[in-house]
Each structure stands twice: as C-alpha cells, then as structure tokens.
C-alpha cells in the first residue's frame, strides 16, 4: 500500500501548510476604516479582505433591497453567500 493519492482524489498538498505566525483576522463591522461600496442598488461592506488573508478568503456583508442585486453572473473563483432577513 502506498500513500500516493489516486488520479481522482485531491492531494493534501493542494492545501497550503498552516502558518502559526499568521495574525488572527477579526471582522469589525462598525470599524471606522471598513469600506462600504454601492453595487447594483445594494450596500456591500468588506469585513475581511483578501489582502488581510493572503488572498485565501474574503468576507463581504451585503445589504440588498428586495428585487435588487447583481444579475446572474460567474467568477473564476468560488463564491458563497447566505441570506438573512432584516427586521
């Protein structure tokens, strides 16, 4: 038996090694330096940027009015979002 991954499995080496010296990134939605961007009728707040995470992650809070938001589109990267109702 070998530890070599098969052609159909993802290699553990594709995930970069953790850097224990990396600083913890904390999102502060009320911070004075948090950028707010108006896009397609909504307000997008960049809570954690790719620059803060060596390009590994970005967190954006989106306030999109009913019926608003961007049209269907695609990226060359992965994107995830969740919806919540404001009361």
PDB file of N, CA and C in Angstrom:
ATOM      1  N   UNK A   1       0.850  -1.178   0.000  1.00  0.00           N
ATOM      2  CA  UNK A   1       0.000   0.000   0.000  1.00  0.00           C
ATOM      3  C   UNK A   1       0.890   1.233   0.000  1.00  0.00           C
ATOM      4  N   UNK A   2       0.479   2.251  -0.748  1.00  0.00           N
ATOM      5  CA  UNK A   2       1.263   3.489  -0.790  1.00  0.00           C
ATOM      6  C   UNK A   2       0.423   4.648  -0.286  1.00  0.00           C
ATOM      7  N   UNK A   3       1.067   5.748   0.023  1.00  0.00           N
ATOM      8  CA  UNK A   3       0.370   6.960   0.446  1.00  0.00           C
ATOM      9  C   UNK A   3       0.169   7.928  -0.707  1.00  0.00           C
ATOM     10  N   UNK A   4       0.401   7.476  -1.914  1.00  0.00           N
ATOM     11  CA  UNK A   4       0.248   8.328  -3.089  1.00  0.00           C
ATOM     12  C   UNK A   4      -1.226   8.433  -3.447  1.00  0.00           C
ATOM     13  N   UNK A   5      -1.777   9.666  -3.563  1.00  0.00           N
ATOM     14  CA  UNK A   5      -3.192   9.803  -3.898  1.00  0.00           C
ATOM     15  C   UNK A   5      -3.450   9.329  -5.322  1.00  0.00           C
ATOM     16  N   UNK A   6      -4.648   8.789  -5.562  1.00  0.00           N
ATOM     17  CA  UNK A   6      -5.011   8.363  -6.905  1.00  0.00           C
ATOM     18  C   UNK A   6      -5.277   9.577  -7.777  1.00  0.00           C
ATOM     19  N   UNK A   7      -5.380   9.366  -9.072  1.00  0.00           N
ATOM     20  CA  UNK A   7      -5.602  10.467 -10.016  1.00  0.00           C
ATOM     21  C   UNK A   7      -6.936  11.144  -9.774  1.00  0.00           C
ATOM     22  N   UNK A   8      -7.900  10.436  -9.170  1.00  0.00           N
ATOM     23  CA  UNK A   8      -9.236  11.006  -8.962  1.00  0.00           C
ATOM     24  C   UNK A   8      -9.408  11.661  -7.600  1.00  0.00           C
ATOM     25  N   UNK A   9      -8.433  11.564  -6.719  1.00  0.00           N
ATOM     26  CA  UNK A   9      -8.573  12.166  -5.397  1.00  0.00           C
ATOM     27  C   UNK A   9      -7.781  13.459  -5.329  1.00  0.00           C
ATOM     28  N   UNK A  10      -8.225  14.353  -4.445  1.00  0.00           N
ATOM     29  CA  UNK A  10      -7.485  15.603  -4.298  1.00  0.00           C
ATOM     30  C   UNK A  10      -6.284  15.369  -3.392  1.00  0.00           C
ATOM     31  N   UNK A  11      -5.218  16.005  -3.714  1.00  0.00           N
ATOM     32  CA  UNK A  11      -3.981  15.837  -2.968  1.00  0.00           C
ATOM     33  C   UNK A  11      -3.980  16.739  -1.746  1.00  0.00           C
ATOM     34  N   UNK A  12      -3.514  16.225  -0.627  1.00  0.00           N
ATOM     35  CA  UNK A  12      -3.411  17.041   0.581  1.00  0.00           C
ATOM     36  C   UNK A  12      -2.427  18.178   0.374  1.00  0.00           C
ATOM     37  N   UNK A  13      -1.501  18.029  -0.578  1.00  0.00           N
ATOM     38  CA  UNK A  13      -0.521  19.083  -0.816  1.00  0.00           C
ATOM     39  C   UNK A  13      -1.142  20.296  -1.506  1.00  0.00           C
ATOM     40  N   UNK A  14      -2.378  20.187  -2.007  1.00  0.00           N
ATOM     41  CA  UNK A  14      -3.011  21.339  -2.641  1.00  0.00           C
ATOM     42  C   UNK A  14      -3.465  22.369  -1.610  1.00  0.00           C
ATOM     43  N   UNK A  15      -3.547  21.977  -0.351  1.00  0.00           N
ATOM     44  CA  UNK A  15      -3.882  22.913   0.724  1.00  0.00           C
ATOM     45  C   UNK A  15      -2.577  23.408   1.314  1.00  0.00           C
ATOM     46  N   UNK A  16      -2.346  24.735   1.315  1.00  0.00           N
ATOM     47  CA  UNK A  16      -1.079  25.239   1.850  1.00  0.00           C
ATOM     48  C   UNK A  16      -0.923  24.901   3.332  1.00  0.00           C
ATOM     49  N   UNK A  17       0.297  24.741   3.733  1.00  0.00           N
ATOM     50  CA  UNK A  17       0.583  24.482   5.148  1.00  0.00           C
ATOM     51  C   UNK A  17       0.151  25.681   5.985  1.00  0.00           C
ATOM     52  N   UNK A  18      -0.295  25.413   7.187  1.00  0.00           N
ATOM     53  CA  UNK A  18      -0.699  26.490   8.080  1.00  0.00           C
ATOM     54  C   UNK A  18       0.533  27.280   8.509  1.00  0.00           C
ATOM     55  N   UNK A  19       0.332  28.563   8.744  1.00  0.00           N
ATOM     56  CA  UNK A  19       1.408  29.437   9.189  1.00  0.00           C
ATOM     57  C   UNK A  19       1.084  29.879  10.612  1.00  0.00           C
ATOM     58  N   UNK A  20       1.651  29.227  11.632  1.00  0.00           N
ATOM     59  CA  UNK A  20       1.331  29.581  13.010  1.00  0.00           C
ATOM     60  C   UNK A  20       1.705  31.018  13.370  1.00  0.00           C
ATOM     61  N   UNK A  21       2.547  31.649  12.572  1.00  0.00           N
ATOM     62  CA  UNK A  21       2.924  33.034  12.843  1.00  0.00           C
ATOM     63  C   UNK A  21       1.940  34.047  12.279  1.00  0.00           C
ATOM     64  N   UNK A  22       0.953  33.558  11.515  1.00  0.00           N
ATOM     65  CA  UNK A  22      -0.027  34.453  10.892  1.00  0.00           C
ATOM     66  C   UNK A  22      -0.925  35.078  11.960  1.00  0.00           C
ATOM     67  N   UNK A  23      -1.186  36.342  11.831  1.00  0.00           N
ATOM     68  CA  UNK A  23      -2.032  37.053  12.796  1.00  0.00           C
ATOM     69  C   UNK A  23      -3.500  36.698  12.587  1.00  0.00           C
ATOM     70  N   UNK A  24      -4.245  36.642  13.658  1.00  0.00           N
ATOM     71  CA  UNK A  24      -5.676  36.400  13.616  1.00  0.00           C
ATOM     72  C   UNK A  24      -6.364  37.582  12.946  1.00  0.00           C
ATOM     73  N   UNK A  25      -7.293  37.306  12.040  1.00  0.00           N
ATOM     74  CA  UNK A  25      -8.054  38.360  11.378  1.00  0.00           C
ATOM     75  C   UNK A  25      -9.413  38.451  12.038  1.00  0.00           C
ATOM     76  N   UNK A  26      -9.777  39.633  12.501  1.00  0.00           N
ATOM     77  CA  UNK A  26     -11.052  39.850  13.182  1.00  0.00           C
ATOM     78  C   UNK A  26     -11.867  40.856  12.382  1.00  0.00           C
ATOM     79  N   UNK A  27     -13.115  40.508  12.084  1.00  0.00           N
ATOM     80  CA  UNK A  27     -14.009  41.413  11.354  1.00  0.00           C
ATOM     81  C   UNK A  27     -14.668  42.373  12.341  1.00  0.00           C
ATOM     82  N   UNK A  28     -14.600  43.665  12.057  1.00  0.00           N
ATOM     83  CA  UNK A  28     -15.239  44.690  12.883  1.00  0.00           C
ATOM     84  C   UNK A  28     -16.189  45.483  11.999  1.00  0.00           C
ATOM     85  N   UNK A  29     -17.475  45.079  11.911  1.00  0.00           N
ATOM     86  CA  UNK A  29     -18.408  45.749  11.010  1.00  0.00           C
ATOM     87  C   UNK A  29     -18.645  47.220  11.342  1.00  0.00           C
ATOM     88  N   UNK A  30     -18.326  47.628  12.557  1.00  0.00           N
ATOM     89  CA  UNK A  30     -18.532  49.023  12.953  1.00  0.00           C
ATOM     90  C   UNK A  30     -17.245  49.836  12.927  1.00  0.00           C
ATOM     91  N   UNK A  31     -16.163  49.255  12.433  1.00  0.00           N
ATOM     92  CA  UNK A  31     -14.887  49.952  12.389  1.00  0.00           C
ATOM     93  C   UNK A  31     -14.921  51.159  11.460  1.00  0.00           C
ATOM     94  N   UNK A  32     -14.203  52.200  11.821  1.00  0.00           N
ATOM     95  CA  UNK A  32     -14.190  53.437  11.030  1.00  0.00           C
ATOM     96  C   UNK A  32     -13.549  53.242   9.666  1.00  0.00           C
ATOM     97  N   UNK A  33     -12.663  52.261   9.535  1.00  0.00           N
ATOM     98  CA  UNK A  33     -11.951  52.068   8.271  1.00  0.00           C
ATOM     99  C   UNK A  33     -12.567  50.978   7.390  1.00  0.00           C
ATOM    100  N   UNK A  34     -13.753  50.472   7.742  1.00  0.00           N
ATOM    101  CA  UNK A  34     -14.413  49.423   6.966  1.00  0.00           C
ATOM    102  C   UNK A  34     -15.044  50.057   5.717  1.00  0.00           C
ATOM    103  N   UNK A  35     -14.640  49.592   4.530  1.00  0.00           N
ATOM    104  CA  UNK A  35     -15.189  50.198   3.310  1.00  0.00           C
ATOM    105  C   UNK A  35     -16.613  49.721   3.005  1.00  0.00           C
ATOM    106  N   UNK A  36     -17.455  50.673   2.611  1.00  0.00           N
ATOM    107  CA  UNK A  36     -18.818  50.394   2.160  1.00  0.00           C
ATOM    108  C   UNK A  36     -18.871  50.762   0.683  1.00  0.00           C
ATOM    109  N   UNK A  37     -19.370  49.849  -0.139  1.00  0.00           N
ATOM    110  CA  UNK A  37     -19.382  50.046  -1.586  1.00  0.00           C
ATOM    111  C   UNK A  37     -20.810  49.885  -2.088  1.00  0.00           C
ATOM    112  N   UNK A  38     -21.256  50.790  -2.927  1.00  0.00           N
ATOM    113  CA  UNK A  38     -22.579  50.691  -3.526  1.00  0.00           C
ATOM    114  C   UNK A  38     -22.467  49.952  -4.851  1.00  0.00           C
ATOM    115  N   UNK A  39     -23.176  48.804  -4.968  1.00  0.00           N
ATOM    116  CA  UNK A  39     -23.138  47.988  -6.175  1.00  0.00           C
ATOM    117  C   UNK A  39     -24.559  47.536  -6.499  1.00  0.00           C
ATOM    118  N   UNK A  40     -25.006  47.805  -7.709  1.00  0.00           N
ATOM    119  CA  UNK A  40     -26.287  47.291  -8.213  1.00  0.00           C
ATOM    120  C   UNK A  40     -27.436  47.549  -7.236  1.00  0.00           C
ATOM    121  N   UNK A  41     -27.453  48.720  -6.613  1.00  0.00           N
ATOM    122  CA  UNK A  41     -28.546  49.087  -5.720  1.00  0.00           C
ATOM    123  C   UNK A  41     -28.395  48.615  -4.291  1.00  0.00           C
ATOM    124  N   UNK A  42     -27.330  47.893  -3.977  1.00  0.00           N
ATOM    125  CA  UNK A  42     -27.121  47.411  -2.619  1.00  0.00           C
ATOM    126  C   UNK A  42     -25.901  48.052  -1.997  1.00  0.00           C
ATOM    127  N   UNK A  43     -25.720  47.816  -0.707  1.00  0.00           N
ATOM    128  CA  UNK A  43     -24.544  48.298   0.000  1.00  0.00           C
ATOM    129  C   UNK A  43     -23.723  47.098   0.440  1.00  0.00           C
ATOM    130  N   UNK A  44     -22.488  47.035  -0.014  1.00  0.00           N
ATOM    131  CA  UNK A  44     -21.594  45.927   0.276  1.00  0.00           C
ATOM    132  C   UNK A  44     -20.507  46.429   1.221  1.00  0.00           C
ATOM    133  N   UNK A  45     -20.331  45.750   2.341  1.00  0.00           N
ATOM    134  CA  UNK A  45     -19.340  46.130   3.337  1.00  0.00           C
ATOM    135  C   UNK A  45     -18.262  45.057   3.394  1.00  0.00           C
ATOM    136  N   UNK A  46     -17.030  45.437   3.092  1.00  0.00           N
ATOM    137  CA  UNK A  46     -15.917  44.482   3.099  1.00  0.00           C
ATOM    138  C   UNK A  46     -15.440  44.329   4.544  1.00  0.00           C
ATOM    139  N   UNK A  47     -15.782  43.190   5.154  1.00  0.00           N
ATOM    140  CA  UNK A  47     -15.416  42.948   6.546  1.00  0.00           C
ATOM    141  C   UNK A  47     -14.020  42.354   6.682  1.00  0.00           C
ATOM    142  N   UNK A  48     -13.665  41.451   5.775  1.00  0.00           N
ATOM    143  CA  UNK A  48     -12.326  40.861   5.739  1.00  0.00           C
ATOM    144  C   UNK A  48     -11.928  40.802   4.273  1.00  0.00           C
ATOM    145  N   UNK A  49     -10.816  41.397   3.936  1.00  0.00           N
ATOM    146  CA  UNK A  49     -10.383  41.441   2.534  1.00  0.00           C
ATOM    147  C   UNK A  49      -9.373  40.340   2.232  1.00  0.00           C
ATOM    148  N   UNK A  50      -9.215  40.058   0.963  1.00  0.00           N
ATOM    149  CA  UNK A  50      -8.195  39.107   0.540  1.00  0.00           C
ATOM    150  C   UNK A  50      -6.806  39.565   0.947  1.00  0.00           C
ATOM    151  N   UNK A  51      -6.597  40.875   0.988  1.00  0.00           N
ATOM    152  CA  UNK A  51      -5.295  41.411   1.401  1.00  0.00           C
ATOM    153  C   UNK A  51      -4.976  41.040   2.850  1.00  0.00           C
ATOM    154  N   UNK A  52      -6.015  40.896   3.674  1.00  0.00           N
ATOM    155  CA  UNK A  52      -5.805  40.544   5.082  1.00  0.00           C
ATOM    156  C   UNK A  52      -5.545  39.054   5.277  1.00  0.00           C
ATOM    157  N   UNK A  53      -5.854  38.236   4.272  1.00  0.00           N
ATOM    158  CA  UNK A  53      -5.764  36.787   4.429  1.00  0.00           C
ATOM    159  C   UNK A  53      -4.873  36.142   3.369  1.00  0.00           C
ATOM    160  N   UNK A  54      -3.941  36.885   2.839  1.00  0.00           N
ATOM    161  CA  UNK A  54      -3.032  36.397   1.797  1.00  0.00           C
ATOM    162  C   UNK A  54      -3.804  35.823   0.608  1.00  0.00           C
ATOM    163  N   UNK A  55      -4.942  36.443   0.301  1.00  0.00           N
ATOM    164  CA  UNK A  55      -5.735  36.030  -0.842  1.00  0.00           C
ATOM    165  C   UNK A  55      -6.523  34.751  -0.650  1.00  0.00           C
ATOM    166  N   UNK A  56      -6.592  34.252   0.570  1.00  0.00           N
ATOM    167  CA  UNK A  56      -7.275  32.976   0.814  1.00  0.00           C
ATOM    168  C   UNK A  56      -8.763  33.125   1.089  1.00  0.00           C
ATOM    169  N   UNK A  57      -9.221  34.305   1.514  1.00  0.00           N
ATOM    170  CA  UNK A  57     -10.606  34.440   1.945  1.00  0.00           C
ATOM    171  C   UNK A  57     -11.006  35.907   1.911  1.00  0.00           C
ATOM    172  N   UNK A  58     -12.273  36.145   1.677  1.00  0.00           N
ATOM    173  CA  UNK A  58     -12.833  37.495   1.722  1.00  0.00           C
ATOM    174  C   UNK A  58     -14.234  37.373   2.305  1.00  0.00           C
ATOM    175  N   UNK A  59     -14.618  38.289   3.183  1.00  0.00           N
ATOM    176  CA  UNK A  59     -15.943  38.281   3.795  1.00  0.00           C
ATOM    177  C   UNK A  59     -16.601  39.628   3.527  1.00  0.00           C
ATOM    178  N   UNK A  60     -17.756  39.590   2.851  1.00  0.00           N
ATOM    179  CA  UNK A  60     -18.468  40.809   2.489  1.00  0.00           C
ATOM    180  C   UNK A  60     -19.896  40.708   3.006  1.00  0.00           C
ATOM    181  N   UNK A  61     -20.345  41.713   3.749  1.00  0.00           N
ATOM    182  CA  UNK A  61     -21.732  41.810   4.194  1.00  0.00           C
ATOM    183  C   UNK A  61     -22.493  42.586   3.127  1.00  0.00           C
ATOM    184  N   UNK A  62     -23.575  42.008   2.634  1.00  0.00           N
ATOM    185  CA  UNK A  62     -24.328  42.642   1.557  1.00  0.00           C
ATOM    186  C   UNK A  62     -25.726  43.007   2.047  1.00  0.00           C
ATOM    187  N   UNK A  63     -26.077  44.281   1.931  1.00  0.00           N
ATOM    188  CA  UNK A  63     -27.430  44.747   2.223  1.00  0.00           C
ATOM    189  C   UNK A  63     -28.071  45.016   0.866  1.00  0.00           C
ATOM    190  N   UNK A  64     -28.915  44.083   0.436  1.00  0.00           N
ATOM    191  CA  UNK A  64     -29.511  44.156  -0.896  1.00  0.00           C
ATOM    192  C   UNK A  64     -31.022  44.301  -0.735  1.00  0.00           C
ATOM    193  N   UNK A  65     -31.612  45.365  -1.304  1.00  0.00           N
ATOM    194  CA  UNK A  65     -33.064  45.538  -1.197  1.00  0.00           C
ATOM    195  C   UNK A  65     -33.798  44.456  -1.989  1.00  0.00           C
ATOM    196  N   UNK A  66     -35.030  44.176  -1.604  1.00  0.00           N
ATOM    197  CA  UNK A  66     -35.849  43.185  -2.307  1.00  0.00           C
ATOM    198  C   UNK A  66     -35.876  43.503  -3.793  1.00  0.00           C
ATOM    199  N   UNK A  67     -35.635  42.494  -4.608  1.00  0.00           N
ATOM    200  CA  UNK A  67     -35.620  42.685  -6.058  1.00  0.00           C
ATOM    201  C   UNK A  67     -34.326  43.261  -6.582  1.00  0.00           C
ATOM    202  N   UNK A  68     -33.372  43.558  -5.692  1.00  0.00           N
ATOM    203  CA  UNK A  68     -32.106  44.162  -6.104  1.00  0.00           C
ATOM    204  C   UNK A  68     -31.015  43.131  -6.256  1.00  0.00           C
ATOM    205  N   UNK A  69     -29.819  43.609  -6.394  1.00  0.00           N
ATOM    206  CA  UNK A  69     -28.654  42.737  -6.513  1.00  0.00           C
ATOM    207  C   UNK A  69     -28.193  42.601  -7.944  1.00  0.00           C
ATOM    208  N   UNK A  70     -27.043  41.992  -8.118  1.00  0.00           N
ATOM    209  CA  UNK A  70     -26.490  41.845  -9.460  1.00  0.00           C
ATOM    210  C   UNK A  70     -27.281  40.813 -10.263  1.00  0.00           C
ATOM    211  N   UNK A  71     -27.202  40.910 -11.579  1.00  0.00           N
ATOM    212  CA  UNK A  71     -27.839  39.888 -12.418  1.00  0.00           C
ATOM    213  C   UNK A  71     -27.040  38.584 -12.333  1.00  0.00           C
ATOM    214  N   UNK A  72     -27.582  37.487 -12.852  1.00  0.00           N
ATOM    215  CA  UNK A  72     -26.811  36.240 -12.859  1.00  0.00           C
ATOM    216  C   UNK A  72     -25.441  36.468 -13.506  1.00  0.00           C
ATOM    217  N   UNK A  73     -24.420  35.913 -12.889  1.00  0.00           N
ATOM    218  CA  UNK A  73     -23.054  36.113 -13.375  1.00  0.00           C
ATOM    219  C   UNK A  73     -22.184  34.960 -12.896  1.00  0.00           C
ATOM    220  N   UNK A  74     -20.923  34.943 -13.324  1.00  0.00           N
ATOM    221  CA  UNK A  74     -19.985  33.926 -12.896  1.00  0.00           C
ATOM    222  C   UNK A  74     -18.630  34.546 -12.594  1.00  0.00           C
ATOM    223  N   UNK A  75     -17.852  33.796 -11.836  1.00  0.00           N
ATOM    224  CA  UNK A  75     -16.492  34.204 -11.472  1.00  0.00           C
ATOM    225  C   UNK A  75     -15.547  33.061 -11.788  1.00  0.00           C
ATOM    226  N   UNK A  76     -14.259  33.343 -11.783  1.00  0.00           N
ATOM    227  CA  UNK A  76     -13.271  32.275 -11.926  1.00  0.00           C
ATOM    228  C   UNK A  76     -12.726  31.875 -10.554  1.00  0.00           C
ATOM    229  N   UNK A  77     -13.532  32.110  -9.523  1.00  0.00           N
ATOM    230  CA  UNK A  77     -13.203  31.709  -8.163  1.00  0.00           C
ATOM    231  C   UNK A  77     -14.495  31.270  -7.490  1.00  0.00           C
ATOM    232  N   UNK A  78     -14.376  30.643  -6.334  1.00  0.00           N
ATOM    233  CA  UNK A  78     -15.560  30.187  -5.616  1.00  0.00           C
ATOM    234  C   UNK A  78     -16.184  31.341  -4.855  1.00  0.00           C
ATOM    235  N   UNK A  79     -17.519  31.311  -4.774  1.00  0.00           N
ATOM    236  CA  UNK A  79     -18.263  32.343  -4.055  1.00  0.00           C
ATOM    237  C   UNK A  79     -19.358  31.660  -3.253  1.00  0.00           C
ATOM    238  N   UNK A  80     -19.578  32.142  -2.050  1.00  0.00           N
ATOM    239  CA  UNK A  80     -20.641  31.617  -1.208  1.00  0.00           C
ATOM    240  C   UNK A  80     -21.343  32.793  -0.549  1.00  0.00           C
ATOM    241  N   UNK A  81     -22.637  32.678  -0.378  1.00  0.00           N
ATOM    242  CA  UNK A  81     -23.351  33.721   0.344  1.00  0.00           C
ATOM    243  C   UNK A  81     -24.513  33.112   1.094  1.00  0.00           C
ATOM    244  N   UNK A  82     -24.966  33.811   2.111  1.00  0.00           N
ATOM    245  CA  UNK A  82     -26.163  33.423   2.840  1.00  0.00           C
ATOM    246  C   UNK A  82     -27.079  34.624   2.868  1.00  0.00           C
ATOM    247  N   UNK A  83     -28.338  34.373   3.041  1.00  0.00           N
ATOM    248  CA  UNK A  83     -29.317  35.459   3.091  1.00  0.00           C
ATOM    249  C   UNK A  83     -29.899  35.538   4.508  1.00  0.00           C
ATOM    250  N   UNK A  84     -30.174  36.726   4.930  1.00  0.00           N
ATOM    251  CA  UNK A  84     -30.864  36.912   6.199  1.00  0.00           C
ATOM    252  C   UNK A  84     -31.849  38.051   6.030  1.00  0.00           C
ATOM    253  N   UNK A  85     -32.902  37.985   6.757  1.00  0.00           N
ATOM    254  CA  UNK A  85     -33.943  38.996   6.660  1.00  0.00           C
ATOM    255  C   UNK A  85     -33.722  40.042   7.745  1.00  0.00           C
ATOM    256  N   UNK A  86     -33.724  41.284   7.347  1.00  0.00           N
ATOM    257  CA  UNK A  86     -33.604  42.361   8.341  1.00  0.00           C
ATOM    258  C   UNK A  86     -35.000  42.740   8.799  1.00  0.00           C
ATOM    259  N   UNK A  87     -35.140  42.921  10.098  1.00  0.00           N
ATOM    260  CA  UNK A  87     -36.459  43.269  10.627  1.00  0.00           C
ATOM    261  C   UNK A  87     -36.511  44.705  11.067  1.00  0.00           C
TER     262      UNK A  87
END
